[in-house]
Amino acid sequence: MRVYIMTDMEGATCIVRPEQAGWDGYTGLEYQEARRMLTSDVNAAVEGAIQGGADEVYVDDLHGGGGAWNIVPDLMHPKAVYIRTDHESRLRLSLLDRGFDCVFLVAYHAMAGNPKAVLSHTFSSRSIYRVSVNGVEVGEISVDSAIAGSLGVPVVLVTGCSEAVAEARRFLGGVEAVVVKYGLARTSAYCLPSGRTSELIREAARRAVENLARDRGAYSVFRFSEPVRVLVEYMHPNYADRMKGVYGVERVGSREILCKTDRFIDAARMLGWAGSTL
């Protein structure tokens, strides 16, 4: 049983402010504190997976495009393997493959535009206004689940704020999910203490792996209907300008680009969301 954990940061325990997520440059004291909160959530997921019977657990820190190392090295779980690279040296999620049995999404956030979701955005709070697939607005939870789904790997656990969990259940159905904070607005929430959220994450992770071991069909593999139409609406025309000349990308408005592909994974590669070579 091999588990691949994708981590973000905005959905971690007690993180509600941009400064905690490093949006001001990954240097402040609030960010250093938040790294510990993220690491605690990740460790709970690792421990639960192992308790559930996982033989190997890999952790891929995706927050900040891979350019920042958000997990505290001294606090890493001793039984996990951590993927650490400069984001310039590999494409996003290029190390995920069909050899994994399941994926956890830890500390994920809801899509852009949700008024109650903590630190909501879709890939970039600076440049992207909205993303839709086949006319349905989507965020990183569904996109990353579909990338895993292109490999036949199910997402079995999602952790984040209450709005992120609601989004996960809307797209993924009966996924195991843990609410670590209840969103009030983009930068405020009712937060559970880390001791409690660690317990909840550990138990959900254990349950997910145990269920999958008993029944490989316990959790559905998520895929978008194919062929796909992926529309990205940017905040400013300059961002759409930068996509000019990218193979398979069509400019359809001042701030909008469109990818039409037979497979979602191909659109995800074109947009820099995945590095899979499938």
C-alpha atoms as a PDB file:
ATOM      1  CA  MET A   1       0.000   0.000   0.000  1.00  0.00           C
ATOM      2  CA  ARG A   2       1.607   3.236  -1.217  1.00  0.00           C
ATOM      3  CA  VAL A   3       0.173   6.624  -0.255  1.00  0.00           C
ATOM      4  CA  TYR A   4       0.968   9.929  -1.974  1.00  0.00           C
ATOM      5  CA  ILE A   5       0.248  13.018   0.131  1.00  0.00           C
ATOM      6  CA  MET A   6      -0.152  16.331  -1.696  1.00  0.00           C
ATOM      7  CA  THR A   7       0.088  19.284   0.657  1.00  0.00           C
ATOM      8  CA  ASP A   8      -0.921  22.880   0.347  1.00  0.00           C
ATOM      9  CA  MET A   9      -0.843  25.346   3.237  1.00  0.00           C
ATOM     10  CA  GLU A  10      -3.852  27.659   3.352  1.00  0.00           C
ATOM     11  CA  GLY A  11      -6.034  24.808   4.594  1.00  0.00           C
ATOM     12  CA  ALA A  12      -3.847  23.908   7.573  1.00  0.00           C
ATOM     13  CA  THR A  13      -4.916  24.178  11.202  1.00  0.00           C
ATOM     14  CA  CYS A  14      -5.232  27.779  12.484  1.00  0.00           C
ATOM     15  CA  ILE A  15      -3.948  29.403   9.282  1.00  0.00           C
ATOM     16  CA  VAL A  16      -6.209  32.305   8.294  1.00  0.00           C
ATOM     17  CA  ARG A  17      -3.926  35.194   7.303  1.00  0.00           C
ATOM     18  CA  PRO A  18      -1.966  35.713   4.066  1.00  0.00           C
ATOM     19  CA  GLU A  19       1.185  36.346   6.111  1.00  0.00           C
ATOM     20  CA  GLN A  20       0.881  32.882   7.637  1.00  0.00           C
ATOM     21  CA  ALA A  21       0.796  31.314   4.189  1.00  0.00           C
ATOM     22  CA  GLY A  22       3.892  33.218   3.101  1.00  0.00           C
ATOM     23  CA  TRP A  23       2.097  35.464   0.648  1.00  0.00           C
ATOM     24  CA  ASP A  24       4.402  38.298   1.782  1.00  0.00           C
ATOM     25  CA  GLY A  25       7.546  36.423   0.801  1.00  0.00           C
ATOM     26  CA  TYR A  26       7.958  33.380   3.123  1.00  0.00           C
ATOM     27  CA  THR A  27      10.062  35.255   5.648  1.00  0.00           C
ATOM     28  CA  GLY A  28       7.828  36.491   8.460  1.00  0.00           C
ATOM     29  CA  LEU A  29       7.376  35.113  11.961  1.00  0.00           C
ATOM     30  CA  GLU A  30       3.760  34.209  11.232  1.00  0.00           C
ATOM     31  CA  TYR A  31       4.882  32.033   8.339  1.00  0.00           C
ATOM     32  CA  GLN A  32       7.405  30.223  10.539  1.00  0.00           C
ATOM     33  CA  GLU A  33       4.659  29.476  13.062  1.00  0.00           C
ATOM     34  CA  ALA A  34       2.337  28.300  10.297  1.00  0.00           C
ATOM     35  CA  ARG A  35       4.973  25.872   9.013  1.00  0.00           C
ATOM     36  CA  ARG A  36       4.704  24.050  12.328  1.00  0.00           C
ATOM     37  CA  MET A  37       0.930  23.882  12.032  1.00  0.00           C
ATOM     38  CA  LEU A  38       1.180  22.459   8.514  1.00  0.00           C
ATOM     39  CA  THR A  39       3.797  19.942   9.608  1.00  0.00           C
ATOM     40  CA  SER A  40       1.551  18.822  12.465  1.00  0.00           C
ATOM     41  CA  ASP A  41      -1.336  18.181  10.048  1.00  0.00           C
ATOM     42  CA  VAL A  42       0.942  16.310   7.640  1.00  0.00           C
ATOM     43  CA  ASN A  43       2.442  14.187  10.422  1.00  0.00           C
ATOM     44  CA  ALA A  44      -1.042  13.214  11.579  1.00  0.00           C
ATOM     45  CA  ALA A  45      -1.923  12.103   8.050  1.00  0.00           C
ATOM     46  CA  VAL A  46       1.302  10.104   7.759  1.00  0.00           C
ATOM     47  CA  GLU A  47       0.779   8.445  11.130  1.00  0.00           C
ATOM     48  CA  GLY A  48      -2.814   7.558  10.309  1.00  0.00           C
ATOM     49  CA  ALA A  49      -1.821   6.064   6.963  1.00  0.00           C
ATOM     50  CA  ILE A  50       0.794   3.890   8.656  1.00  0.00           C
ATOM     51  CA  GLN A  51      -1.654   2.811  11.347  1.00  0.00           C
ATOM     52  CA  GLY A  52      -4.062   1.862   8.567  1.00  0.00           C
ATOM     53  CA  GLY A  53      -1.492  -0.405   6.935  1.00  0.00           C
ATOM     54  CA  ALA A  54       0.412   1.775   4.473  1.00  0.00           C
ATOM     55  CA  ASP A  55       3.840   0.416   3.574  1.00  0.00           C
ATOM     56  CA  GLU A  56       5.145   3.615   1.980  1.00  0.00           C
ATOM     57  CA  VAL A  57       4.061   7.239   2.399  1.00  0.00           C
ATOM     58  CA  TYR A  58       5.386  10.027   0.175  1.00  0.00           C
ATOM     59  CA  VAL A  59       4.823  13.706   0.940  1.00  0.00           C
ATOM     60  CA  ASP A  60       4.865  16.273  -1.893  1.00  0.00           C
ATOM     61  CA  ASP A  61       4.933  19.886  -0.639  1.00  0.00           C
ATOM     62  CA  LEU A  62       3.126  21.845  -3.377  1.00  0.00           C
ATOM     63  CA  HIS A  63       2.557  25.179  -1.673  1.00  0.00           C
ATOM     64  CA  GLY A  64       4.266  28.098  -3.364  1.00  0.00           C
ATOM     65  CA  GLY A  65       4.824  26.172  -6.564  1.00  0.00           C
ATOM     66  CA  GLY A  66       7.462  24.024  -4.914  1.00  0.00           C
ATOM     67  CA  GLY A  67       9.814  26.949  -4.611  1.00  0.00           C
ATOM     68  CA  ALA A  68       9.373  27.206  -0.839  1.00  0.00           C
ATOM     69  CA  TRP A  69      10.015  24.387   1.619  1.00  0.00           C
ATOM     70  CA  ASN A  70       7.099  24.705   3.998  1.00  0.00           C
ATOM     71  CA  ILE A  71       7.483  21.596   6.158  1.00  0.00           C
ATOM     72  CA  VAL A  72       9.790  21.935   9.168  1.00  0.00           C
ATOM     73  CA  PRO A  73      12.696  19.495   8.589  1.00  0.00           C
ATOM     74  CA  ASP A  74      13.316  18.768  12.273  1.00  0.00           C
ATOM     75  CA  LEU A  75       9.692  17.715  12.713  1.00  0.00           C
ATOM     76  CA  MET A  76       9.354  15.419   9.698  1.00  0.00           C
ATOM     77  CA  HIS A  77       7.692  12.093  10.405  1.00  0.00           C
ATOM     78  CA  PRO A  78      10.455   9.461  10.463  1.00  0.00           C
ATOM     79  CA  LYS A  79       8.460   6.911   8.448  1.00  0.00           C
ATOM     80  CA  ALA A  80       7.600   9.127   5.482  1.00  0.00           C
ATOM     81  CA  VAL A  81       9.582  10.027   2.355  1.00  0.00           C
ATOM     82  CA  TYR A  82       9.567  13.730   1.471  1.00  0.00           C
ATOM     83  CA  ILE A  83       9.824  15.005  -2.080  1.00  0.00           C
ATOM     84  CA  ARG A  84      11.961  18.147  -2.146  1.00  0.00           C
ATOM     85  CA  THR A  85      13.112  19.889  -5.315  1.00  0.00           C
ATOM     86  CA  ASP A  86      13.514  23.368  -6.689  1.00  0.00           C
ATOM     87  CA  HIS A  87      10.316  24.081  -8.616  1.00  0.00           C
ATOM     88  CA  GLU A  88      12.405  24.954 -11.673  1.00  0.00           C
ATOM     89  CA  SER A  89      13.853  21.442 -11.834  1.00  0.00           C
ATOM     90  CA  ARG A  90      10.651  19.474 -12.322  1.00  0.00           C
ATOM     91  CA  LEU A  91       7.075  19.876 -13.437  1.00  0.00           C
ATOM     92  CA  ARG A  92       4.286  19.894 -10.859  1.00  0.00           C
ATOM     93  CA  LEU A  93       3.219  16.400  -9.721  1.00  0.00           C
ATOM     94  CA  SER A  94       5.575  14.735 -12.188  1.00  0.00           C
ATOM     95  CA  LEU A  95       6.543  12.160  -9.526  1.00  0.00           C
ATOM     96  CA  LEU A  96       2.995  10.875  -9.064  1.00  0.00           C
ATOM     97  CA  ASP A  97       2.447   7.644 -10.985  1.00  0.00           C
ATOM     98  CA  ARG A  98       0.192   4.599 -11.268  1.00  0.00           C
ATOM     99  CA  GLY A  99       2.218   2.773  -8.622  1.00  0.00           C
ATOM    100  CA  PHE A 100       0.425   4.655  -5.853  1.00  0.00           C
ATOM    101  CA  ASP A 101      -2.747   3.256  -4.350  1.00  0.00           C
ATOM    102  CA  CYS A 102      -4.267   6.517  -3.155  1.00  0.00           C
ATOM    103  CA  VAL A 103      -3.786  10.239  -2.645  1.00  0.00           C
ATOM    104  CA  PHE A 104      -4.375  12.480   0.379  1.00  0.00           C
ATOM    105  CA  LEU A 105      -4.944  16.220  -0.098  1.00  0.00           C
ATOM    106  CA  VAL A 106      -3.768  17.823   3.152  1.00  0.00           C
ATOM    107  CA  ALA A 107      -4.267  21.520   4.047  1.00  0.00           C
ATOM    108  CA  TYR A 108      -6.126  22.319   0.831  1.00  0.00           C
ATOM    109  CA  HIS A 109      -8.274  25.411   0.304  1.00  0.00           C
ATOM    110  CA  ALA A 110     -11.477  26.149  -1.585  1.00  0.00           C
ATOM    111  CA  MET A 111     -11.678  27.668  -5.063  1.00  0.00           C
ATOM    112  CA  ALA A 112     -11.560  31.382  -5.828  1.00  0.00           C
ATOM    113  CA  GLY A 113     -14.749  33.328  -5.252  1.00  0.00           C
ATOM    114  CA  ASN A 114     -16.120  31.510  -2.203  1.00  0.00           C
ATOM    115  CA  PRO A 115     -16.830  34.315   0.306  1.00  0.00           C
ATOM    116  CA  LYS A 116     -16.649  32.086   3.394  1.00  0.00           C
ATOM    117  CA  ALA A 117     -13.619  30.051   2.379  1.00  0.00           C
ATOM    118  CA  VAL A 118     -10.344  30.742   4.183  1.00  0.00           C
ATOM    119  CA  LEU A 119      -7.660  32.181   1.840  1.00  0.00           C
ATOM    120  CA  SER A 120      -9.582  30.915  -1.180  1.00  0.00           C
ATOM    121  CA  HIS A 121      -7.980  31.093  -4.624  1.00  0.00           C
ATOM    122  CA  THR A 122      -7.329  28.899  -7.647  1.00  0.00           C
ATOM    123  CA  PHE A 123      -3.601  28.382  -8.224  1.00  0.00           C
ATOM    124  CA  SER A 124      -2.842  32.106  -7.972  1.00  0.00           C
ATOM    125  CA  SER A 125      -4.592  34.780  -5.931  1.00  0.00           C
ATOM    126  CA  ARG A 126      -2.693  37.367  -7.958  1.00  0.00           C
ATOM    127  CA  SER A 127      -3.361  36.281 -11.529  1.00  0.00           C
ATOM    128  CA  ILE A 128      -6.345  33.887 -11.842  1.00  0.00           C
ATOM    129  CA  TYR A 129      -9.933  35.030 -11.378  1.00  0.00           C
ATOM    130  CA  ARG A 130     -11.761  31.837 -12.313  1.00  0.00           C
ATOM    131  CA  VAL A 131     -11.196  28.379 -13.825  1.00  0.00           C
ATOM    132  CA  SER A 132     -13.899  26.190 -15.317  1.00  0.00           C
ATOM    133  CA  VAL A 133     -13.886  22.724 -16.847  1.00  0.00           C
ATOM    134  CA  ASN A 134     -16.713  21.896 -19.221  1.00  0.00           C
ATOM    135  CA  GLY A 135     -18.588  24.928 -17.943  1.00  0.00           C
ATOM    136  CA  VAL A 136     -18.288  24.017 -14.247  1.00  0.00           C
ATOM    137  CA  GLU A 137     -16.202  26.256 -12.002  1.00  0.00           C
ATOM    138  CA  VAL A 138     -13.396  24.293 -10.345  1.00  0.00           C
ATOM    139  CA  GLY A 139     -10.529  24.721  -7.900  1.00  0.00           C
ATOM    140  CA  GLU A 140      -7.342  22.963  -6.919  1.00  0.00           C
ATOM    141  CA  ILE A 141      -9.140  20.168  -5.078  1.00  0.00           C
ATOM    142  CA  SER A 142     -10.970  18.925  -8.161  1.00  0.00           C
ATOM    143  CA  VAL A 143      -8.085  19.672 -10.541  1.00  0.00           C
ATOM    144  CA  ASP A 144      -5.522  17.742  -8.493  1.00  0.00           C
ATOM    145  CA  SER A 145      -8.030  14.937  -7.938  1.00  0.00           C
ATOM    146  CA  ALA A 146      -8.525  14.715 -11.706  1.00  0.00           C
ATOM    147  CA  ILE A 147      -4.762  14.644 -12.285  1.00  0.00           C
ATOM    148  CA  ALA A 148      -4.555  11.699  -9.893  1.00  0.00           C
ATOM    149  CA  GLY A 149      -7.633  10.236 -11.568  1.00  0.00           C
ATOM    150  CA  SER A 150      -5.908  10.317 -14.958  1.00  0.00           C
ATOM    151  CA  LEU A 151      -3.505   7.782 -13.452  1.00  0.00           C
ATOM    152  CA  GLY A 152      -6.322   5.718 -11.977  1.00  0.00           C
ATOM    153  CA  VAL A 153      -5.452   6.794  -8.412  1.00  0.00           C
ATOM    154  CA  PRO A 154      -8.307   7.844  -6.087  1.00  0.00           C
ATOM    155  CA  VAL A 155      -8.224  10.717  -3.621  1.00  0.00           C
ATOM    156  CA  VAL A 156      -9.348   9.222  -0.323  1.00  0.00           C
ATOM    157  CA  LEU A 157      -8.754  12.047   2.186  1.00  0.00           C
ATOM    158  CA  VAL A 158      -9.092  15.844   2.092  1.00  0.00           C
ATOM    159  CA  THR A 159      -8.377  18.248   4.975  1.00  0.00           C
ATOM    160  CA  GLY A 160      -9.035  21.975   5.090  1.00  0.00           C
ATOM    161  CA  CYS A 161     -11.592  24.570   6.102  1.00  0.00           C
ATOM    162  CA  SER A 162     -15.313  23.808   6.113  1.00  0.00           C
ATOM    163  CA  GLU A 163     -15.779  25.282   2.632  1.00  0.00           C
ATOM    164  CA  ALA A 164     -12.899  23.259   1.195  1.00  0.00           C
ATOM    165  CA  VAL A 165     -14.395  20.088   2.650  1.00  0.00           C
ATOM    166  CA  ALA A 166     -17.826  20.941   1.208  1.00  0.00           C
ATOM    167  CA  GLU A 167     -16.179  21.469  -2.188  1.00  0.00           C
ATOM    168  CA  ALA A 168     -14.360  18.140  -1.936  1.00  0.00           C
ATOM    169  CA  ARG A 169     -17.566  16.294  -1.129  1.00  0.00           C
ATOM    170  CA  ARG A 170     -19.374  18.003  -4.007  1.00  0.00           C
ATOM    171  CA  PHE A 171     -16.819  16.724  -6.521  1.00  0.00           C
ATOM    172  CA  LEU A 172     -15.497  13.550  -4.897  1.00  0.00           C
ATOM    173  CA  GLY A 173     -18.548  12.156  -3.129  1.00  0.00           C
ATOM    174  CA  GLY A 174     -17.789   9.898  -0.189  1.00  0.00           C
ATOM    175  CA  VAL A 175     -14.187  10.924   0.377  1.00  0.00           C
ATOM    176  CA  GLU A 176     -12.877  10.976   3.959  1.00  0.00           C
ATOM    177  CA  ALA A 177     -12.716  14.626   4.974  1.00  0.00           C
ATOM    178  CA  VAL A 178     -11.593  16.607   8.016  1.00  0.00           C
ATOM    179  CA  VAL A 179     -12.659  20.161   8.830  1.00  0.00           C
ATOM    180  CA  VAL A 180      -9.841  21.860  10.750  1.00  0.00           C
ATOM    181  CA  LYS A 181     -11.532  25.295  10.853  1.00  0.00           C
ATOM    182  CA  TYR A 182     -14.927  26.753  10.031  1.00  0.00           C
ATOM    183  CA  GLY A 183     -14.702  29.611   7.582  1.00  0.00           C
ATOM    184  CA  LEU A 184     -16.321  32.937   8.420  1.00  0.00           C
ATOM    185  CA  ALA A 185     -14.662  35.047   5.726  1.00  0.00           C
ATOM    186  CA  ARG A 186     -11.511  34.927   3.638  1.00  0.00           C
ATOM    187  CA  THR A 187      -9.261  35.763   6.583  1.00  0.00           C
ATOM    188  CA  SER A 188     -11.232  34.554   9.593  1.00  0.00           C
ATOM    189  CA  ALA A 189     -12.513  31.258  10.943  1.00  0.00           C
ATOM    190  CA  TYR A 190     -13.479  29.307  14.016  1.00  0.00           C
ATOM    191  CA  CYS A 191     -10.322  27.245  14.504  1.00  0.00           C
ATOM    192  CA  LEU A 192      -9.947  23.893  16.225  1.00  0.00           C
ATOM    193  CA  PRO A 193      -6.756  23.368  18.297  1.00  0.00           C
ATOM    194  CA  SER A 194      -3.965  21.374  16.726  1.00  0.00           C
ATOM    195  CA  GLY A 195      -4.286  18.571  19.265  1.00  0.00           C
ATOM    196  CA  ARG A 196      -7.856  18.006  18.143  1.00  0.00           C
ATOM    197  CA  THR A 197      -7.246  18.374  14.411  1.00  0.00           C
ATOM    198  CA  SER A 198      -4.279  15.986  14.573  1.00  0.00           C
ATOM    199  CA  GLU A 199      -6.522  13.386  16.177  1.00  0.00           C
ATOM    200  CA  LEU A 200      -9.231  13.869  13.537  1.00  0.00           C
ATOM    201  CA  ILE A 201      -6.764  13.736  10.626  1.00  0.00           C
ATOM    202  CA  ARG A 202      -4.991  10.671  12.014  1.00  0.00           C
ATOM    203  CA  GLU A 203      -8.240   8.759  12.416  1.00  0.00           C
ATOM    204  CA  ALA A 204      -9.559   9.733   8.984  1.00  0.00           C
ATOM    205  CA  ALA A 205      -6.265   8.741   7.328  1.00  0.00           C
ATOM    206  CA  ARG A 206      -6.239   5.402   9.126  1.00  0.00           C
ATOM    207  CA  ARG A 207      -9.851   4.771   8.147  1.00  0.00           C
ATOM    208  CA  ALA A 208      -9.196   5.661   4.505  1.00  0.00           C
ATOM    209  CA  VAL A 209      -6.279   3.250   4.132  1.00  0.00           C
ATOM    210  CA  GLU A 210      -8.058   0.460   5.984  1.00  0.00           C
ATOM    211  CA  ASN A 211     -11.166   0.875   3.827  1.00  0.00           C
ATOM    212  CA  LEU A 212      -9.099   0.824   0.654  1.00  0.00           C
ATOM    213  CA  ALA A 213      -7.218  -2.279   1.778  1.00  0.00           C
ATOM    214  CA  ARG A 214     -10.513  -4.089   2.317  1.00  0.00           C
ATOM    215  CA  ASP A 215     -12.131  -2.859  -0.876  1.00  0.00           C
ATOM    216  CA  ARG A 216     -10.218  -1.300  -3.760  1.00  0.00           C
ATOM    217  CA  GLY A 217     -13.473   0.223  -4.957  1.00  0.00           C
ATOM    218  CA  ALA A 218     -14.252   1.927  -1.643  1.00  0.00           C
ATOM    219  CA  TYR A 219     -13.355   5.352  -3.084  1.00  0.00           C
ATOM    220  CA  SER A 220     -14.110   6.515  -6.595  1.00  0.00           C
ATOM    221  CA  VAL A 221     -11.457   7.694  -9.006  1.00  0.00           C
ATOM    222  CA  PHE A 222     -12.363  11.241 -10.027  1.00  0.00           C
ATOM    223  CA  ARG A 223     -12.259  12.288 -13.659  1.00  0.00           C
ATOM    224  CA  PHE A 224     -13.724  15.118 -15.687  1.00  0.00           C
ATOM    225  CA  SER A 225     -15.855  14.104 -18.672  1.00  0.00           C
ATOM    226  CA  GLU A 226     -13.653  13.977 -21.749  1.00  0.00           C
ATOM    227  CA  PRO A 227     -12.970  15.592 -24.144  1.00  0.00           C
ATOM    228  CA  VAL A 228     -12.565  18.704 -22.003  1.00  0.00           C
ATOM    229  CA  ARG A 229     -12.841  22.460 -22.381  1.00  0.00           C
ATOM    230  CA  VAL A 230     -10.747  24.260 -19.756  1.00  0.00           C
ATOM    231  CA  LEU A 231     -11.380  28.002 -19.541  1.00  0.00           C
ATOM    232  CA  VAL A 232      -9.053  30.215 -17.486  1.00  0.00           C
ATOM    233  CA  GLU A 233     -10.077  33.799 -16.767  1.00  0.00           C
ATOM    234  CA  TYR A 234      -7.213  35.968 -15.538  1.00  0.00           C
ATOM    235  CA  MET A 235      -7.259  39.109 -13.424  1.00  0.00           C
ATOM    236  CA  HIS A 236      -5.522  41.161 -16.145  1.00  0.00           C
ATOM    237  CA  PRO A 237      -4.908  40.809 -19.901  1.00  0.00           C
ATOM    238  CA  ASN A 238      -1.153  40.673 -19.277  1.00  0.00           C
ATOM    239  CA  TYR A 239      -1.491  37.167 -17.859  1.00  0.00           C
ATOM    240  CA  ALA A 240      -3.406  35.972 -20.907  1.00  0.00           C
ATOM    241  CA  ASP A 241      -0.735  37.590 -23.085  1.00  0.00           C
ATOM    242  CA  ARG A 242       1.880  35.348 -21.487  1.00  0.00           C
ATOM    243  CA  MET A 243       0.050  32.232 -22.695  1.00  0.00           C
ATOM    244  CA  LYS A 244       0.308  33.326 -26.316  1.00  0.00           C
ATOM    245  CA  GLY A 245       2.068  30.676 -28.350  1.00  0.00           C
ATOM    246  CA  VAL A 246       1.521  27.831 -25.860  1.00  0.00           C
ATOM    247  CA  TYR A 247       0.539  24.805 -27.907  1.00  0.00           C
ATOM    248  CA  GLY A 248      -3.151  24.005 -27.604  1.00  0.00           C
ATOM    249  CA  VAL A 249      -4.055  27.281 -25.894  1.00  0.00           C
ATOM    250  CA  GLU A 250      -6.519  29.631 -27.618  1.00  0.00           C
ATOM    251  CA  ARG A 251      -7.056  33.267 -26.664  1.00  0.00           C
ATOM    252  CA  VAL A 252     -10.833  33.741 -26.457  1.00  0.00           C
ATOM    253  CA  GLY A 253     -11.109  37.122 -24.723  1.00  0.00           C
ATOM    254  CA  SER A 254      -9.151  39.980 -23.299  1.00  0.00           C
ATOM    255  CA  ARG A 255      -8.485  38.026 -20.096  1.00  0.00           C
ATOM    256  CA  GLU A 256      -9.505  34.495 -21.109  1.00  0.00           C
ATOM    257  CA  ILE A 257      -7.796  31.487 -22.620  1.00  0.00           C
ATOM    258  CA  LEU A 258      -9.266  28.117 -23.611  1.00  0.00           C
ATOM    259  CA  CYS A 259      -7.767  24.636 -23.841  1.00  0.00           C
ATOM    260  CA  LYS A 260      -9.720  22.024 -25.782  1.00  0.00           C
ATOM    261  CA  THR A 261      -8.207  18.551 -25.460  1.00  0.00           C
ATOM    262  CA  ASP A 262      -9.260  14.926 -25.645  1.00  0.00           C
ATOM    263  CA  ARG A 263      -7.726  14.243 -22.217  1.00  0.00           C
ATOM    264  CA  PHE A 264      -7.774  16.475 -19.169  1.00  0.00           C
ATOM    265  CA  ILE A 265      -4.185  15.578 -18.300  1.00  0.00           C
ATOM    266  CA  ASP A 266      -3.039  17.189 -21.558  1.00  0.00           C
ATOM    267  CA  ALA A 267      -4.773  20.465 -20.685  1.00  0.00           C
ATOM    268  CA  ALA A 268      -3.283  20.308 -17.194  1.00  0.00           C
ATOM    269  CA  ARG A 269       0.194  19.953 -18.716  1.00  0.00           C
ATOM    270  CA  MET A 270      -0.363  22.862 -21.082  1.00  0.00           C
ATOM    271  CA  LEU A 271      -1.353  25.090 -18.159  1.00  0.00           C
ATOM    272  CA  GLY A 272       1.524  24.004 -15.916  1.00  0.00           C
ATOM    273  CA  TRP A 273      -0.655  22.142 -13.425  1.00  0.00           C
ATOM    274  CA  ALA A 274       0.837  18.705 -14.035  1.00  0.00           C
ATOM    275  CA  GLY A 275       4.005  17.122 -15.301  1.00  0.00           C
ATOM    276  CA  SER A 276       2.647  13.682 -16.062  1.00  0.00           C
ATOM    277  CA  THR A 277       3.813  12.270 -19.378  1.00  0.00           C
ATOM    278  CA  LEU A 278       0.707  10.099 -19.866  1.00  0.00           C
END
